[in-house]
Amino acid sequence: MFTVHTLLVLTVAGVVAAITCALVLASGASWPTALLSCGGAGGAVLVALPRLLGGDGDLE
C-alpha cells in the first residue's frame, strides 16, 4: 500500500506541520493563522523532501 519512502515523507510532513502550528500559536496568533501556517509548512515539506531524498517527487 505505502512504501517506506512515502511513510517517511508523510511522517516528516506531519511533524513539521504540528511544530509550525504550535510555534505560531505560542507566538499569540489566531487559530486561522496557525492553520494556514501549518498547511503551508506541511505542503512545502511534501514538495521538497521527496526531491531531497532522491525520489522522483511522486508519492506512489
C-alpha atoms as a PDB file:
ATOM      1  CA  MET A   1       0.000   0.000   0.000  1.00  0.00           C
ATOM      2  CA  PHE A   2       2.657   2.551   1.055  1.00  0.00           C
ATOM      3  CA  THR A   3       6.378   2.339   0.612  1.00  0.00           C
ATOM      4  CA  VAL A   4       8.817   3.190   3.384  1.00  0.00           C
ATOM      5  CA  HIS A   5       9.815   6.302   1.416  1.00  0.00           C
ATOM      6  CA  THR A   6       6.202   7.501   1.339  1.00  0.00           C
ATOM      7  CA  LEU A   7       5.669   6.865   5.039  1.00  0.00           C
ATOM      8  CA  LEU A   8       8.854   8.761   5.872  1.00  0.00           C
ATOM      9  CA  VAL A   9       7.791  11.775   3.810  1.00  0.00           C
ATOM     10  CA  LEU A  10       4.272  11.834   5.284  1.00  0.00           C
ATOM     11  CA  THR A  11       5.562  11.426   8.838  1.00  0.00           C
ATOM     12  CA  VAL A  12       8.072  14.251   8.477  1.00  0.00           C
ATOM     13  CA  ALA A  13       5.425  16.474   6.866  1.00  0.00           C
ATOM     14  CA  GLY A  14       3.066  15.826   9.790  1.00  0.00           C
ATOM     15  CA  VAL A  15       5.731  16.566  12.380  1.00  0.00           C
ATOM     16  CA  VAL A  16       6.810  19.780  10.656  1.00  0.00           C
ATOM     17  CA  ALA A  17       3.184  20.886  10.330  1.00  0.00           C
ATOM     18  CA  ALA A  18       2.470  20.202  14.017  1.00  0.00           C
ATOM     19  CA  ILE A  19       5.591  22.023  15.193  1.00  0.00           C
ATOM     20  CA  THR A  20       4.829  25.001  12.962  1.00  0.00           C
ATOM     21  CA  CYS A  21       1.262  25.173  14.245  1.00  0.00           C
ATOM     22  CA  ALA A  22       2.439  25.027  17.862  1.00  0.00           C
ATOM     23  CA  LEU A  23       5.064  27.726  17.362  1.00  0.00           C
ATOM     24  CA  VAL A  24       2.620  30.051  15.609  1.00  0.00           C
ATOM     25  CA  LEU A  25       0.040  29.550  18.366  1.00  0.00           C
ATOM     26  CA  ALA A  26       2.696  30.120  21.029  1.00  0.00           C
ATOM     27  CA  SER A  27       3.533  33.448  19.445  1.00  0.00           C
ATOM     28  CA  GLY A  28      -0.026  34.600  20.074  1.00  0.00           C
ATOM     29  CA  ALA A  29      -1.520  34.240  16.608  1.00  0.00           C
ATOM     30  CA  SER A  30      -5.125  33.227  15.995  1.00  0.00           C
ATOM     31  CA  TRP A  31      -6.238  29.722  15.027  1.00  0.00           C
ATOM     32  CA  PRO A  32      -6.841  30.527  11.344  1.00  0.00           C
ATOM     33  CA  THR A  33      -3.357  31.981  11.019  1.00  0.00           C
ATOM     34  CA  ALA A  34      -1.834  28.955  12.731  1.00  0.00           C
ATOM     35  CA  LEU A  35      -3.703  26.525  10.480  1.00  0.00           C
ATOM     36  CA  LEU A  36      -2.650  28.384   7.344  1.00  0.00           C
ATOM     37  CA  SER A  37       0.962  28.334   8.512  1.00  0.00           C
ATOM     38  CA  CYS A  38       0.668  24.647   9.349  1.00  0.00           C
ATOM     39  CA  GLY A  39      -0.710  23.825   5.904  1.00  0.00           C
ATOM     40  CA  GLY A  40       1.965  25.856   4.182  1.00  0.00           C
ATOM     41  CA  ALA A  41       4.786  24.200   6.087  1.00  0.00           C
ATOM     42  CA  GLY A  42       3.394  20.709   5.552  1.00  0.00           C
ATOM     43  CA  GLY A  43       2.879  21.373   1.855  1.00  0.00           C
ATOM     44  CA  ALA A  44       6.405  22.694   1.467  1.00  0.00           C
ATOM     45  CA  VAL A  45       7.798  19.535   3.056  1.00  0.00           C
ATOM     46  CA  LEU A  46       5.653  17.344   0.792  1.00  0.00           C
ATOM     47  CA  VAL A  47       7.097  19.126  -2.225  1.00  0.00           C
ATOM     48  CA  ALA A  48      10.735  19.390  -1.150  1.00  0.00           C
ATOM     49  CA  LEU A  49      11.503  16.237   0.835  1.00  0.00           C
ATOM     50  CA  PRO A  50      10.930  13.607  -1.895  1.00  0.00           C
ATOM     51  CA  ARG A  51      13.288  15.517  -4.186  1.00  0.00           C
ATOM     52  CA  LEU A  52      15.886  15.809  -1.432  1.00  0.00           C
ATOM     53  CA  LEU A  53      15.683  12.078  -0.751  1.00  0.00           C
ATOM     54  CA  GLY A  54      16.395  11.361  -4.386  1.00  0.00           C
ATOM     55  CA  GLY A  55      12.928  10.237  -5.407  1.00  0.00           C
ATOM     56  CA  ASP A  56      11.019  11.400  -8.445  1.00  0.00           C
ATOM     57  CA  GLY A  57       8.703  13.538  -6.325  1.00  0.00           C
ATOM     58  CA  ASP A  58       5.778  11.150  -6.723  1.00  0.00           C
ATOM     59  CA  LEU A  59       4.136   9.795  -3.565  1.00  0.00           C
ATOM     60  CA  GLU A  60       3.055   6.488  -5.102  1.00  0.00           C
END
